Amino acid sequence: MAALPSLCLCRFNTFLGSFRPSPRSFKVRVHPSLPICLTNRKLSSSMSQPSSEPAATKTDSPTAGNNDDVLVQYVVLRRDLIDTWPLGSVVTQGCHASVNAIWSHKDNPHTLQYCSPENIDSMHKVTLEVKGETQILNLSEKLSTGGIAHKLWIEQPENIPTCLATKPYPKSIVSMFFKNLKLCK
């Protein structure tokens, strides 16, 4: 592997702060054709907890302070599958739909804001449930008719519609489509 320029090593060490891995447990591989993205954001000890450094975007965000306009992604699972499939399998279906909905709209301004470094540790998702296949198909049709971008996940090769997820939207725009559904418990 070619040596990194000293500037890159300096920035990399600054980014890691006081973290010093042992030579046996940590390797860094840099592909020469991929850019290195370095930020001044401190690493969090937990992926689900925000970093200890205050994020400037909490108050700078156009959605801050207005709960109706917070960016949210809705994930809808089928209750009949929750009751008959292993829980991990159903959760995985929801993950597939969620990632697909975000990736398919990765250049959308709402998606960019939802996944921005400032907001990545404070994503809002609402997980709901419908009774079965007919209801998930009807909901997908209702969302399509309403112009709400979403992914209806069809498990292959069985060809079973298992769940759906929207791309991130302001809650005020999308919540009316889900007001009659129950939270998934």
N, C-alpha and C. Protein backbone atom coordinates (compact mmCIF):
# COMPACT_ATOMS: atom_id res chain seq x y z
N MET A 1 0.85 -1.17 0.00
CA MET A 1 0.00 0.00 0.00
C MET A 1 0.89 1.23 0.00
N ALA A 2 0.57 2.21 -0.84
CA ALA A 2 1.35 3.44 -0.92
C ALA A 2 1.19 4.23 0.37
N ALA A 3 2.22 4.91 0.75
CA ALA A 3 2.18 5.71 1.98
C ALA A 3 1.27 6.91 1.77
N LEU A 4 0.52 7.24 2.80
CA LEU A 4 -0.35 8.41 2.75
C LEU A 4 0.49 9.66 2.93
N PRO A 5 0.12 10.75 2.29
CA PRO A 5 0.83 12.00 2.53
C PRO A 5 0.72 12.38 4.00
N SER A 6 1.76 13.07 4.51
CA SER A 6 1.78 13.41 5.93
C SER A 6 0.58 14.25 6.33
N LEU A 7 0.06 15.08 5.44
CA LEU A 7 -1.12 15.88 5.74
C LEU A 7 -2.31 15.00 6.06
N CYS A 8 -2.50 13.93 5.28
CA CYS A 8 -3.60 13.01 5.53
C CYS A 8 -3.43 12.31 6.87
N LEU A 9 -2.22 11.87 7.18
CA LEU A 9 -1.99 11.21 8.45
C LEU A 9 -2.26 12.16 9.61
N CYS A 10 -1.87 13.40 9.46
CA CYS A 10 -2.09 14.38 10.51
C CYS A 10 -3.58 14.58 10.73
N ARG A 11 -4.33 14.76 9.66
CA ARG A 11 -5.77 14.93 9.79
C ARG A 11 -6.42 13.68 10.38
N PHE A 12 -5.96 12.52 9.94
CA PHE A 12 -6.54 11.29 10.43
C PHE A 12 -6.30 11.16 11.93
N ASN A 13 -5.10 11.45 12.38
CA ASN A 13 -4.81 11.40 13.81
C ASN A 13 -5.63 12.41 14.58
N THR A 14 -5.83 13.61 14.03
CA THR A 14 -6.65 14.62 14.68
C THR A 14 -8.08 14.14 14.80
N PHE A 15 -8.58 13.50 13.74
CA PHE A 15 -9.94 12.99 13.75
C PHE A 15 -10.13 11.95 14.84
N LEU A 16 -9.16 11.08 15.02
CA LEU A 16 -9.28 10.03 16.01
C LEU A 16 -9.05 10.54 17.43
N GLY A 17 -8.47 11.72 17.57
CA GLY A 17 -8.26 12.29 18.90
C GLY A 17 -7.33 11.42 19.72
N SER A 18 -7.75 11.03 20.89
CA SER A 18 -6.89 10.26 21.79
C SER A 18 -7.00 8.75 21.57
N PHE A 19 -7.79 8.32 20.61
CA PHE A 19 -7.93 6.90 20.33
C PHE A 19 -6.66 6.36 19.70
N ARG A 20 -6.05 5.40 20.32
CA ARG A 20 -4.83 4.78 19.80
C ARG A 20 -5.00 3.27 19.80
N PRO A 21 -5.35 2.68 18.66
CA PRO A 21 -5.54 1.23 18.60
C PRO A 21 -4.21 0.51 18.66
N SER A 22 -4.28 -0.74 19.09
CA SER A 22 -3.07 -1.55 19.07
C SER A 22 -2.80 -1.97 17.64
N PRO A 23 -1.54 -2.19 17.26
CA PRO A 23 -1.23 -2.55 15.88
C PRO A 23 -1.89 -3.84 15.43
N ARG A 24 -2.19 -4.73 16.35
CA ARG A 24 -2.79 -6.02 15.98
C ARG A 24 -4.28 -5.94 15.74
N SER A 25 -4.96 -4.96 16.35
CA SER A 25 -6.42 -4.95 16.30
C SER A 25 -6.99 -3.95 15.31
N PHE A 26 -6.16 -3.19 14.62
CA PHE A 26 -6.72 -2.11 13.82
C PHE A 26 -5.89 -1.92 12.56
N LYS A 27 -6.52 -1.98 11.40
CA LYS A 27 -5.85 -1.71 10.15
C LYS A 27 -6.67 -0.70 9.38
N VAL A 28 -6.01 0.19 8.71
CA VAL A 28 -6.68 1.16 7.87
C VAL A 28 -6.25 0.88 6.44
N ARG A 29 -7.23 0.70 5.59
CA ARG A 29 -6.94 0.52 4.17
C ARG A 29 -7.57 1.67 3.42
N VAL A 30 -6.80 2.29 2.59
CA VAL A 30 -7.28 3.41 1.80
C VAL A 30 -7.15 3.00 0.35
N HIS A 31 -8.27 3.03 -0.35
CA HIS A 31 -8.26 2.71 -1.76
C HIS A 31 -7.83 3.96 -2.51
N PRO A 32 -6.83 3.88 -3.40
CA PRO A 32 -6.29 5.07 -4.05
C PRO A 32 -7.30 5.83 -4.90
N SER A 33 -8.35 5.19 -5.39
CA SER A 33 -9.30 5.89 -6.25
C SER A 33 -10.49 6.46 -5.48
N LEU A 34 -10.58 6.20 -4.18
CA LEU A 34 -11.69 6.72 -3.39
C LEU A 34 -11.24 7.92 -2.58
N PRO A 35 -12.09 8.96 -2.49
CA PRO A 35 -11.71 10.13 -1.70
C PRO A 35 -11.76 9.80 -0.21
N ILE A 36 -10.93 10.48 0.56
CA ILE A 36 -10.95 10.34 2.01
C ILE A 36 -11.76 11.50 2.55
N CYS A 37 -12.83 11.20 3.24
CA CYS A 37 -13.66 12.23 3.82
C CYS A 37 -13.37 12.31 5.31
N LEU A 38 -12.85 13.43 5.73
CA LEU A 38 -12.53 13.62 7.13
C LEU A 38 -13.36 14.77 7.66
N THR A 39 -13.84 14.62 8.88
CA THR A 39 -14.63 15.68 9.50
C THR A 39 -14.01 16.03 10.83
N ASN A 40 -14.47 17.13 11.40
CA ASN A 40 -13.98 17.51 12.71
C ASN A 40 -14.92 17.03 13.80
N ARG A 41 -15.87 16.17 13.45
CA ARG A 41 -16.85 15.66 14.39
C ARG A 41 -16.23 14.59 15.27
N LYS A 42 -16.44 14.65 16.55
CA LYS A 42 -15.88 13.66 17.48
C LYS A 42 -16.68 12.37 17.39
N LEU A 43 -15.99 11.26 17.53
CA LEU A 43 -16.64 9.96 17.51
C LEU A 43 -17.42 9.75 18.79
N SER A 44 -18.57 9.14 18.68
CA SER A 44 -19.38 8.80 19.84
C SER A 44 -19.02 7.41 20.31
N SER A 45 -19.16 7.16 21.59
CA SER A 45 -18.87 5.82 22.10
C SER A 45 -19.97 4.84 21.74
N SER A 46 -21.14 5.34 21.37
CA SER A 46 -22.26 4.49 20.99
C SER A 46 -22.84 5.02 19.70
N MET A 47 -23.17 4.13 18.78
CA MET A 47 -23.71 4.57 17.50
C MET A 47 -25.09 5.18 17.64
N SER A 48 -25.83 4.81 18.70
CA SER A 48 -27.18 5.34 18.85
C SER A 48 -27.21 6.60 19.70
N GLN A 49 -26.07 6.98 20.27
CA GLN A 49 -26.00 8.18 21.10
C GLN A 49 -25.24 9.26 20.35
N PRO A 50 -25.71 10.50 20.43
CA PRO A 50 -24.99 11.57 19.76
C PRO A 50 -23.63 11.79 20.41
N SER A 51 -22.72 12.38 19.66
CA SER A 51 -21.41 12.66 20.20
C SER A 51 -21.51 13.68 21.31
N SER A 52 -20.48 13.73 22.16
CA SER A 52 -20.51 14.65 23.28
C SER A 52 -20.31 16.09 22.84
N GLU A 53 -19.77 16.30 21.65
CA GLU A 53 -19.60 17.65 21.14
C GLU A 53 -20.95 18.16 20.67
N PRO A 54 -21.34 19.37 21.05
CA PRO A 54 -22.66 19.86 20.67
C PRO A 54 -22.77 20.00 19.16
N ALA A 55 -23.90 19.61 18.63
CA ALA A 55 -24.14 19.72 17.20
C ALA A 55 -24.77 21.07 16.92
N ALA A 56 -24.22 21.80 15.99
CA ALA A 56 -24.70 23.14 15.69
C ALA A 56 -26.01 23.11 14.94
N THR A 57 -26.40 21.97 14.41
CA THR A 57 -27.56 21.93 13.54
C THR A 57 -28.87 21.76 14.27
N LYS A 58 -28.87 21.42 15.53
CA LYS A 58 -30.12 21.22 16.24
C LYS A 58 -30.98 22.47 16.16
N THR A 59 -30.36 23.63 16.28
CA THR A 59 -31.12 24.87 16.24
C THR A 59 -31.08 25.51 14.87
N ASP A 60 -30.08 25.15 14.03
CA ASP A 60 -29.97 25.73 12.71
C ASP A 60 -30.91 25.08 11.71
N SER A 61 -31.40 23.90 12.03
CA SER A 61 -32.24 23.14 11.11
C SER A 61 -33.58 23.82 10.93
N PRO A 62 -34.11 23.86 9.70
CA PRO A 62 -35.42 24.46 9.48
C PRO A 62 -36.52 23.67 10.16
N THR A 63 -36.25 22.43 10.55
CA THR A 63 -37.28 21.63 11.19
C THR A 63 -37.19 21.67 12.70
N ALA A 64 -36.14 22.31 13.24
CA ALA A 64 -35.97 22.33 14.69
C ALA A 64 -37.10 23.11 15.35
N GLY A 65 -37.59 22.57 16.44
CA GLY A 65 -38.62 23.26 17.22
C GLY A 65 -40.03 23.06 16.71
N ASN A 66 -40.21 22.52 15.52
CA ASN A 66 -41.54 22.31 14.98
C ASN A 66 -41.72 20.82 14.77
N ASN A 67 -42.40 20.16 15.69
CA ASN A 67 -42.54 18.70 15.65
C ASN A 67 -43.29 18.23 14.42
N ASP A 68 -44.18 19.06 13.85
CA ASP A 68 -44.92 18.65 12.66
C ASP A 68 -44.03 18.63 11.43
N ASP A 69 -42.92 19.36 11.44
CA ASP A 69 -42.06 19.41 10.27
C ASP A 69 -40.75 18.67 10.46
N VAL A 70 -40.64 17.88 11.52
CA VAL A 70 -39.45 17.05 11.69
C VAL A 70 -39.43 16.04 10.54
N LEU A 71 -38.23 15.75 10.04
CA LEU A 71 -38.12 14.75 8.98
C LEU A 71 -38.30 13.38 9.59
N VAL A 72 -39.14 12.57 8.96
CA VAL A 72 -39.47 11.26 9.49
C VAL A 72 -39.55 10.25 8.36
N GLN A 73 -39.16 9.02 8.67
CA GLN A 73 -39.34 7.91 7.74
C GLN A 73 -40.33 6.94 8.38
N TYR A 74 -41.35 6.58 7.64
CA TYR A 74 -42.33 5.60 8.12
C TYR A 74 -41.96 4.23 7.59
N VAL A 75 -42.03 3.24 8.48
CA VAL A 75 -41.81 1.84 8.12
C VAL A 75 -43.06 1.09 8.56
N VAL A 76 -43.64 0.32 7.67
CA VAL A 76 -44.87 -0.41 7.98
C VAL A 76 -44.63 -1.90 7.77
N LEU A 77 -44.88 -2.67 8.83
CA LEU A 77 -44.71 -4.12 8.81
C LEU A 77 -46.06 -4.81 8.83
N ARG A 78 -46.08 -6.06 8.40
CA ARG A 78 -47.31 -6.85 8.42
C ARG A 78 -47.43 -7.63 9.73
N ARG A 79 -48.54 -7.43 10.45
CA ARG A 79 -48.77 -8.11 11.73
C ARG A 79 -48.83 -9.62 11.54
N ASP A 80 -49.44 -10.11 10.45
CA ASP A 80 -49.54 -11.56 10.27
C ASP A 80 -48.16 -12.20 10.15
N LEU A 81 -47.19 -11.48 9.58
CA LEU A 81 -45.83 -12.02 9.49
C LEU A 81 -45.12 -11.92 10.83
N ILE A 82 -45.38 -10.85 11.58
CA ILE A 82 -44.78 -10.70 12.91
C ILE A 82 -45.20 -11.86 13.79
N ASP A 83 -46.44 -12.30 13.63
CA ASP A 83 -46.98 -13.39 14.46
C ASP A 83 -46.53 -14.78 14.01
N THR A 84 -46.04 -14.91 12.77
CA THR A 84 -45.71 -16.24 12.26
C THR A 84 -44.24 -16.43 11.88
N TRP A 85 -43.54 -15.36 11.55
CA TRP A 85 -42.12 -15.45 11.18
C TRP A 85 -41.27 -15.15 12.41
N PRO A 86 -40.01 -15.57 12.39
CA PRO A 86 -39.09 -15.14 13.46
C PRO A 86 -38.99 -13.60 13.45
N LEU A 87 -38.98 -12.99 14.62
CA LEU A 87 -38.95 -11.54 14.72
C LEU A 87 -37.80 -10.93 13.93
N GLY A 88 -36.62 -11.54 14.01
CA GLY A 88 -35.46 -11.02 13.28
C GLY A 88 -35.69 -10.95 11.79
N SER A 89 -36.40 -11.92 11.25
CA SER A 89 -36.69 -11.93 9.81
C SER A 89 -37.59 -10.77 9.42
N VAL A 90 -38.58 -10.47 10.24
CA VAL A 90 -39.49 -9.37 9.94
C VAL A 90 -38.77 -8.03 10.06
N VAL A 91 -37.95 -7.89 11.11
CA VAL A 91 -37.18 -6.66 11.28
C VAL A 91 -36.25 -6.46 10.09
N THR A 92 -35.65 -7.53 9.62
CA THR A 92 -34.75 -7.46 8.47
C THR A 92 -35.50 -6.96 7.23
N GLN A 93 -36.73 -7.41 7.05
CA GLN A 93 -37.53 -6.94 5.91
C GLN A 93 -37.71 -5.42 5.98
N GLY A 94 -38.02 -4.92 7.19
CA GLY A 94 -38.18 -3.48 7.38
C GLY A 94 -36.88 -2.73 7.10
N CYS A 95 -35.76 -3.32 7.50
CA CYS A 95 -34.46 -2.71 7.23
C CYS A 95 -34.19 -2.64 5.73
N HIS A 96 -34.51 -3.71 5.01
CA HIS A 96 -34.33 -3.71 3.56
C HIS A 96 -35.13 -2.57 2.92
N ALA A 97 -36.40 -2.45 3.29
CA ALA A 97 -37.26 -1.42 2.71
C ALA A 97 -36.75 -0.03 3.06
N SER A 98 -36.33 0.16 4.31
CA SER A 98 -35.85 1.47 4.76
C SER A 98 -34.61 1.90 3.99
N VAL A 99 -33.63 1.01 3.90
CA VAL A 99 -32.39 1.34 3.19
C VAL A 99 -32.68 1.59 1.71
N ASN A 100 -33.53 0.78 1.12
CA ASN A 100 -33.86 0.95 -0.29
C ASN A 100 -34.54 2.30 -0.54
N ALA A 101 -35.47 2.67 0.33
CA ALA A 101 -36.18 3.94 0.16
C ALA A 101 -35.22 5.12 0.28
N ILE A 102 -34.28 5.04 1.20
CA ILE A 102 -33.30 6.13 1.35
C ILE A 102 -32.33 6.14 0.17
N TRP A 103 -31.79 4.99 -0.17
CA TRP A 103 -30.80 4.94 -1.26
C TRP A 103 -31.41 5.35 -2.60
N SER A 104 -32.64 4.95 -2.85
CA SER A 104 -33.30 5.29 -4.11
C SER A 104 -33.55 6.78 -4.24
N HIS A 105 -33.54 7.49 -3.11
CA HIS A 105 -33.80 8.94 -3.12
C HIS A 105 -32.63 9.69 -2.48
N LYS A 106 -31.43 9.17 -2.66
CA LYS A 106 -30.25 9.71 -1.97
C LYS A 106 -29.92 11.14 -2.35
N ASP A 107 -30.39 11.61 -3.49
CA ASP A 107 -30.11 12.98 -3.92
C ASP A 107 -31.24 13.94 -3.59
N ASN A 108 -32.31 13.45 -3.00
CA ASN A 108 -33.44 14.29 -2.62
C ASN A 108 -33.03 15.18 -1.44
N PRO A 109 -33.43 16.45 -1.44
CA PRO A 109 -33.03 17.35 -0.34
C PRO A 109 -33.45 16.86 1.05
N HIS A 110 -34.64 16.27 1.16
CA HIS A 110 -35.07 15.76 2.47
C HIS A 110 -34.20 14.59 2.92
N THR A 111 -33.86 13.71 1.98
CA THR A 111 -33.01 12.57 2.31
C THR A 111 -31.61 13.04 2.69
N LEU A 112 -31.08 13.99 1.96
CA LEU A 112 -29.75 14.53 2.28
C LEU A 112 -29.74 15.15 3.67
N GLN A 113 -30.78 15.88 4.01
CA GLN A 113 -30.84 16.49 5.34
C GLN A 113 -31.01 15.41 6.42
N TYR A 114 -31.85 14.43 6.17
CA TYR A 114 -32.11 13.34 7.12
C TYR A 114 -30.83 12.56 7.43
N CYS A 115 -30.01 12.35 6.41
CA CYS A 115 -28.78 11.56 6.55
C CYS A 115 -27.53 12.42 6.73
N SER A 116 -27.68 13.70 6.90
CA SER A 116 -26.52 14.58 7.05
C SER A 116 -25.77 14.27 8.33
N PRO A 117 -24.48 14.57 8.38
CA PRO A 117 -23.70 14.30 9.60
C PRO A 117 -24.31 14.95 10.85
N GLU A 118 -24.95 16.08 10.68
CA GLU A 118 -25.55 16.78 11.81
C GLU A 118 -26.79 16.07 12.34
N ASN A 119 -27.48 15.32 11.49
CA ASN A 119 -28.75 14.70 11.88
C ASN A 119 -28.69 13.18 11.99
N ILE A 120 -27.58 12.58 11.60
CA ILE A 120 -27.51 11.12 11.51
C ILE A 120 -27.74 10.44 12.86
N ASP A 121 -27.38 11.09 13.96
CA ASP A 121 -27.58 10.49 15.28
C ASP A 121 -28.95 10.80 15.87
N SER A 122 -29.81 11.47 15.13
CA SER A 122 -31.13 11.80 15.66
C SER A 122 -32.24 11.57 14.62
N MET A 123 -32.11 10.49 13.88
CA MET A 123 -33.13 10.15 12.88
C MET A 123 -34.45 9.86 13.57
N HIS A 124 -35.55 10.17 12.88
CA HIS A 124 -36.88 9.86 13.38
C HIS A 124 -37.51 8.84 12.44
N LYS A 125 -37.88 7.69 13.00
CA LYS A 125 -38.61 6.67 12.25
C LYS A 125 -39.85 6.33 13.06
N VAL A 126 -40.91 6.02 12.35
CA VAL A 126 -42.14 5.56 12.99
C VAL A 126 -42.43 4.19 12.38
N THR A 127 -42.53 3.19 13.24
CA THR A 127 -42.79 1.83 12.76
C THR A 127 -44.22 1.46 13.12
N LEU A 128 -45.00 1.21 12.08
CA LEU A 128 -46.42 0.90 12.22
C LEU A 128 -46.68 -0.50 11.70
N GLU A 129 -47.93 -0.94 11.86
CA GLU A 129 -48.29 -2.27 11.37
C GLU A 129 -49.63 -2.24 10.65
N VAL A 130 -49.77 -3.16 9.71
CA VAL A 130 -51.05 -3.44 9.07
C VAL A 130 -51.35 -4.91 9.30
N LYS A 131 -52.60 -5.33 9.07
CA LYS A 131 -52.99 -6.72 9.37
C LYS A 131 -52.33 -7.74 8.47
N GLY A 132 -52.27 -7.45 7.15
CA GLY A 132 -51.76 -8.47 6.25
C GLY A 132 -51.44 -7.95 4.87
N GLU A 133 -51.35 -8.87 3.92
CA GLU A 133 -50.93 -8.54 2.56
C GLU A 133 -51.87 -7.56 1.87
N THR A 134 -53.17 -7.78 1.98
CA THR A 134 -54.13 -6.88 1.33
C THR A 134 -53.96 -5.45 1.81
N GLN A 135 -53.77 -5.27 3.12
CA GLN A 135 -53.65 -3.93 3.69
C GLN A 135 -52.34 -3.26 3.25
N ILE A 136 -51.25 -4.01 3.18
CA ILE A 136 -49.97 -3.40 2.77
C ILE A 136 -50.03 -3.00 1.30
N LEU A 137 -50.69 -3.81 0.47
CA LEU A 137 -50.84 -3.47 -0.95
C LEU A 137 -51.74 -2.24 -1.12
N ASN A 138 -52.83 -2.17 -0.34
CA ASN A 138 -53.72 -1.01 -0.39
C ASN A 138 -53.00 0.27 0.05
N LEU A 139 -52.20 0.16 1.11
CA LEU A 139 -51.45 1.31 1.60
C LEU A 139 -50.45 1.77 0.54
N SER A 140 -49.77 0.84 -0.10
CA SER A 140 -48.81 1.19 -1.14
C SER A 140 -49.50 1.93 -2.28
N GLU A 141 -50.67 1.48 -2.66
CA GLU A 141 -51.45 2.14 -3.72
C GLU A 141 -51.87 3.54 -3.29
N LYS A 142 -52.32 3.67 -2.04
CA LYS A 142 -52.72 4.97 -1.50
C LYS A 142 -51.54 5.95 -1.50
N LEU A 143 -50.35 5.48 -1.10
CA LEU A 143 -49.17 6.33 -1.10
C LEU A 143 -48.78 6.73 -2.52
N SER A 144 -48.84 5.79 -3.45
CA SER A 144 -48.52 6.09 -4.85
C SER A 144 -49.47 7.14 -5.41
N THR A 145 -50.75 6.96 -5.14
CA THR A 145 -51.75 7.92 -5.61
C THR A 145 -51.50 9.30 -5.01
N GLY A 146 -51.07 9.34 -3.76
CA GLY A 146 -50.80 10.61 -3.08
C GLY A 146 -49.44 11.20 -3.40
N GLY A 147 -48.66 10.54 -4.24
CA GLY A 147 -47.35 11.06 -4.63
C GLY A 147 -46.28 10.90 -3.57
N ILE A 148 -46.47 9.95 -2.65
CA ILE A 148 -45.51 9.70 -1.58
C ILE A 148 -44.54 8.60 -2.02
N ALA A 149 -43.27 8.98 -2.17
CA ALA A 149 -42.26 8.02 -2.59
C ALA A 149 -42.01 7.00 -1.48
N HIS A 150 -42.02 5.74 -1.86
CA HIS A 150 -41.83 4.67 -0.88
C HIS A 150 -41.33 3.41 -1.59
N LYS A 151 -40.92 2.45 -0.78
CA LYS A 151 -40.51 1.15 -1.32
C LYS A 151 -41.39 0.08 -0.69
N LEU A 152 -42.12 -0.64 -1.51
CA LEU A 152 -42.84 -1.82 -1.08
C LEU A 152 -41.87 -2.98 -1.26
N TRP A 153 -41.42 -3.56 -0.14
CA TRP A 153 -40.44 -4.64 -0.23
C TRP A 153 -41.14 -5.95 -0.55
N ILE A 154 -40.69 -6.59 -1.63
CA ILE A 154 -41.23 -7.88 -2.06
C ILE A 154 -40.12 -8.92 -1.84
N GLU A 155 -40.32 -9.80 -0.89
CA GLU A 155 -39.32 -10.83 -0.60
C GLU A 155 -39.29 -11.83 -1.74
N GLN A 156 -38.07 -12.10 -2.23
CA GLN A 156 -37.85 -13.02 -3.33
C GLN A 156 -37.10 -14.25 -2.81
N PRO A 157 -37.29 -15.40 -3.35
CA PRO A 157 -38.05 -15.70 -4.57
C PRO A 157 -39.52 -15.98 -4.30
N GLU A 158 -39.95 -15.82 -3.05
CA GLU A 158 -41.34 -16.16 -2.70
C GLU A 158 -42.36 -15.17 -3.27
N ASN A 159 -41.88 -13.95 -3.64
CA ASN A 159 -42.75 -12.91 -4.20
C ASN A 159 -43.81 -12.45 -3.18
N ILE A 160 -43.39 -12.27 -1.93
CA ILE A 160 -44.30 -11.88 -0.85
C ILE A 160 -44.05 -10.42 -0.48
N PRO A 161 -45.08 -9.56 -0.59
CA PRO A 161 -44.91 -8.18 -0.11
C PRO A 161 -44.88 -8.19 1.43
N THR A 162 -43.75 -7.82 2.00
CA THR A 162 -43.57 -7.98 3.45
C THR A 162 -43.71 -6.68 4.23
N CYS A 163 -43.32 -5.55 3.65
CA CYS A 163 -43.36 -4.28 4.36
C CYS A 163 -43.15 -3.15 3.37
N LEU A 164 -43.25 -1.93 3.88
CA LEU A 164 -42.91 -0.79 3.05
C LEU A 164 -42.26 0.28 3.91
N ALA A 165 -41.53 1.17 3.26
CA ALA A 165 -40.90 2.30 3.94
C ALA A 165 -40.96 3.50 3.01
N THR A 166 -41.21 4.66 3.60
CA THR A 166 -41.19 5.89 2.81
C THR A 166 -39.77 6.44 2.77
N LYS A 167 -39.52 7.32 1.84
CA LYS A 167 -38.31 8.13 1.92
C LYS A 167 -38.56 9.14 3.04
N PRO A 168 -37.55 9.81 3.56
CA PRO A 168 -37.79 10.82 4.59
C PRO A 168 -38.62 11.99 4.05
N TYR A 169 -39.61 12.38 4.84
CA TYR A 169 -40.48 13.52 4.53
C TYR A 169 -40.69 14.35 5.79
N PRO A 170 -41.04 15.63 5.62
CA PRO A 170 -41.52 16.37 6.78
C PRO A 170 -42.79 15.71 7.29
N LYS A 171 -42.88 15.56 8.60
CA LYS A 171 -44.03 14.86 9.19
C LYS A 171 -45.36 15.48 8.77
N SER A 172 -45.39 16.80 8.62
CA SER A 172 -46.64 17.48 8.26
C SER A 172 -47.14 17.07 6.88
N ILE A 173 -46.27 16.62 6.02
CA ILE A 173 -46.65 16.22 4.66
C ILE A 173 -47.16 14.79 4.61
N VAL A 174 -46.54 13.90 5.38
CA VAL A 174 -46.77 12.47 5.20
C VAL A 174 -47.64 11.82 6.28
N SER A 175 -47.76 12.42 7.45
CA SER A 175 -48.43 11.75 8.58
C SER A 175 -49.90 11.42 8.31
N MET A 176 -50.57 12.22 7.48
CA MET A 176 -52.00 11.97 7.23
C MET A 176 -52.24 10.62 6.55
N PHE A 177 -51.25 10.09 5.85
CA PHE A 177 -51.40 8.80 5.18
C PHE A 177 -51.35 7.63 6.16
N PHE A 178 -50.87 7.89 7.37
CA PHE A 178 -50.65 6.82 8.34
C PHE A 178 -51.48 6.98 9.61
N LYS A 179 -52.39 7.96 9.64
CA LYS A 179 -53.09 8.28 10.89
C LYS A 179 -53.98 7.15 11.41
N ASN A 180 -54.42 6.24 10.57
CA ASN A 180 -55.30 5.17 11.02
C ASN A 180 -54.56 3.87 11.34
N LEU A 181 -53.24 3.89 11.26
CA LEU A 181 -52.47 2.67 11.54
C LEU A 181 -51.99 2.67 12.99
N LYS A 182 -51.80 1.46 13.52
CA LYS A 182 -51.32 1.31 14.89
C LYS A 182 -49.80 1.23 14.91
N LEU A 183 -49.22 1.71 16.03
CA LEU A 183 -47.80 1.51 16.24
C LEU A 183 -47.52 0.02 16.33
N CYS A 184 -46.41 -0.40 15.77
CA CYS A 184 -46.02 -1.80 15.85
C CYS A 184 -45.46 -2.07 17.23
N LYS A 185 -46.04 -3.05 17.92
CA LYS A 185 -45.60 -3.38 19.28
C LYS A 185 -45.27 -4.86 19.39
